[in-house]
Amino acid sequence: MNIYPRRNLVPLSACAVACLLTACATNRAQSLRESASRLDDASSHFSSQLQYQGDDSRRGRVGSDAQTLARAAHDLEHALDRHESRDNIDSDYHRVTDGYEQLHTQLADEGYADQNRQLLVDFDHVTAAYRDVEAGMSHR
């Protein structure tokens, strides 16, 4: 009877489990960085589209909120890329959340939605990326 494989089976299994856990953690962090990058791109695009359309009183308020979200998303992406402290990343994430919620509230105004269908389509891209970041942050 060959005992050698049995004796090494437990250490090898433990090593395999450790490697898998490391790979999952790395993939999760990479996925969060990719989601943050998409949010940065989508929110910057959305903000630039608002700026391009000009500034009436309603659009100006939404444009300001869009710029706030774009800056916060950019800061979050860079904090993740630089592997900053959890506190800094959480702070940047809370700024993103506040900016997204404020912008979402502004866009929920029915009169604005009727006049700006294409902007709402662009905002759907922001929302999808935001939801991915939100999921990534909850799994950290």
Protein backbone atom coordinates (compact mmCIF):
# COMPACT_ATOMS: atom_id res chain seq x y z
CA MET A 1 0.00 0.00 0.00
CA ASN A 2 1.36 3.38 -0.97
CA ILE A 3 1.03 5.83 1.96
CA TYR A 4 3.04 8.63 0.34
CA PRO A 5 0.16 10.14 -1.66
CA ARG A 6 -2.21 10.07 1.35
CA ARG A 7 0.32 11.74 3.60
CA ASN A 8 0.78 14.59 1.11
CA LEU A 9 -2.85 14.88 0.15
CA VAL A 10 -3.83 17.15 3.07
CA PRO A 11 -0.97 19.65 2.61
CA LEU A 12 -1.57 19.69 -1.15
CA SER A 13 -5.30 20.22 -0.65
CA ALA A 14 -4.65 23.06 1.78
CA CYS A 15 -2.28 24.65 -0.69
CA ALA A 16 -4.84 24.34 -3.49
CA VAL A 17 -7.55 25.95 -1.34
CA ALA A 18 -5.20 28.81 -0.41
CA CYS A 19 -4.38 29.40 -4.08
CA LEU A 20 -8.06 29.44 -5.01
CA LEU A 21 -8.90 31.91 -2.25
CA THR A 22 -6.07 34.18 -3.34
CA ALA A 23 -7.25 34.01 -6.94
CA CYS A 24 -10.82 34.86 -5.91
CA ALA A 25 -9.67 37.83 -3.83
CA THR A 26 -7.47 39.07 -6.66
CA ASN A 27 -10.26 38.67 -9.21
CA ARG A 28 -12.73 40.46 -6.93
CA ALA A 29 -10.36 43.41 -6.46
CA GLN A 30 -9.62 43.49 -10.19
CA SER A 31 -13.34 43.39 -10.95
CA LEU A 32 -13.97 46.31 -8.58
CA ARG A 33 -11.21 48.34 -10.24
CA GLU A 34 -12.66 47.56 -13.67
CA SER A 35 -16.14 48.57 -12.50
CA ALA A 36 -14.75 51.80 -11.03
CA SER A 37 -13.01 52.50 -14.34
CA ARG A 38 -16.29 51.99 -16.24
CA LEU A 39 -18.07 54.29 -13.79
CA ASP A 40 -15.37 56.92 -14.25
CA ASP A 41 -15.74 56.71 -18.04
CA ALA A 42 -19.56 56.66 -18.03
CA SER A 43 -19.95 59.50 -15.54
CA SER A 44 -17.36 61.65 -17.35
CA HIS A 45 -19.14 61.03 -20.66
CA PHE A 46 -22.51 61.86 -19.11
CA SER A 47 -21.16 65.06 -17.57
CA SER A 48 -19.58 66.15 -20.85
CA GLN A 49 -22.85 65.51 -22.71
CA LEU A 50 -24.66 67.79 -20.27
CA GLN A 51 -22.01 70.50 -20.67
CA TYR A 52 -22.23 70.20 -24.46
CA GLN A 53 -25.99 70.82 -24.44
CA GLY A 54 -25.64 74.20 -22.80
CA ASP A 55 -26.89 75.53 -19.52
CA ASP A 56 -30.50 76.29 -18.71
CA SER A 57 -31.47 76.50 -15.05
CA ARG A 58 -32.56 72.87 -14.76
CA ARG A 59 -29.72 71.46 -16.86
CA GLY A 60 -27.23 73.58 -14.94
CA ARG A 61 -28.24 71.96 -11.65
CA VAL A 62 -28.05 68.50 -13.19
CA GLY A 63 -24.75 69.39 -14.87
CA SER A 64 -23.28 70.40 -11.54
CA ASP A 65 -24.42 67.14 -9.96
CA ALA A 66 -22.99 65.21 -12.91
CA GLN A 67 -19.61 66.92 -12.50
CA THR A 68 -19.63 66.11 -8.78
CA LEU A 69 -20.30 62.44 -9.53
CA ALA A 70 -17.66 62.35 -12.28
CA ARG A 71 -15.01 63.80 -9.93
CA ALA A 72 -15.95 61.35 -7.16
CA ALA A 73 -15.88 58.38 -9.58
CA HIS A 74 -12.48 59.49 -10.87
CA ASP A 75 -11.13 59.77 -7.31
CA LEU A 76 -12.47 56.32 -6.43
CA GLU A 77 -10.88 54.73 -9.48
CA HIS A 78 -7.51 56.25 -8.64
CA ALA A 79 -7.77 55.29 -4.95
CA LEU A 80 -8.37 51.69 -5.98
CA ASP A 81 -5.50 51.76 -8.50
CA ARG A 82 -3.12 53.12 -5.85
CA HIS A 83 -4.30 50.52 -3.30
CA GLU A 84 -5.10 53.27 -0.81
CA SER A 85 -6.34 52.53 2.69
CA ARG A 86 -9.77 51.08 3.21
CA ASP A 87 -10.85 54.32 4.94
CA ASN A 88 -9.86 56.44 1.91
CA ILE A 89 -11.59 54.08 -0.50
CA ASP A 90 -14.72 54.00 1.66
CA SER A 91 -14.72 57.81 1.83
CA ASP A 92 -14.42 58.09 -1.96
CA TYR A 93 -17.15 55.47 -2.38
CA HIS A 94 -19.50 57.43 -0.10
CA ARG A 95 -18.88 60.53 -2.22
CA VAL A 96 -19.77 58.48 -5.31
CA THR A 97 -22.94 57.19 -3.64
CA ASP A 98 -24.00 60.67 -2.55
CA GLY A 99 -23.29 62.08 -6.01
CA TYR A 100 -25.15 59.28 -7.76
CA GLU A 101 -28.19 59.59 -5.49
CA GLN A 102 -28.32 63.37 -5.94
CA LEU A 103 -28.05 63.06 -9.72
CA HIS A 104 -30.61 60.26 -9.81
CA THR A 105 -33.04 62.42 -7.83
CA GLN A 106 -32.57 65.34 -10.26
CA LEU A 107 -33.12 63.11 -13.28
CA ALA A 108 -36.22 61.53 -11.74
CA ASP A 109 -38.02 64.84 -12.19
CA GLU A 110 -40.63 63.89 -14.77
CA GLY A 111 -40.45 67.12 -16.75
CA TYR A 112 -36.72 66.72 -17.23
CA ALA A 113 -37.09 63.09 -18.32
CA ASP A 114 -39.60 63.96 -21.05
CA GLN A 115 -37.25 66.53 -22.58
CA ASN A 116 -34.01 64.57 -22.45
CA ARG A 117 -34.47 60.95 -23.49
CA GLN A 118 -30.93 60.55 -24.87
CA LEU A 119 -29.39 61.79 -21.64
CA LEU A 120 -31.41 59.23 -19.75
CA VAL A 121 -30.06 56.52 -22.04
CA ASP A 122 -26.54 57.77 -21.26
CA PHE A 123 -27.42 57.78 -17.56
CA ASP A 124 -28.39 54.11 -17.84
CA HIS A 125 -24.70 53.41 -18.56
CA VAL A 126 -23.76 55.35 -15.43
CA THR A 127 -26.32 53.38 -13.42
CA ALA A 128 -25.07 50.01 -14.67
CA ALA A 129 -21.48 50.88 -13.79
CA TYR A 130 -22.55 52.29 -10.41
CA ARG A 131 -24.42 49.07 -9.59
CA ASP A 132 -21.30 47.04 -10.44
CA VAL A 133 -19.19 49.23 -8.13
CA GLU A 134 -21.84 48.96 -5.43
CA ALA A 135 -21.78 45.15 -5.70
CA GLY A 136 -17.97 45.10 -5.68
CA MET A 137 -17.80 47.28 -2.59
CA SER A 138 -20.25 45.07 -0.72
CA HIS A 139 -18.10 42.00 -1.47
CA ARG A 140 -14.80 43.51 -0.35
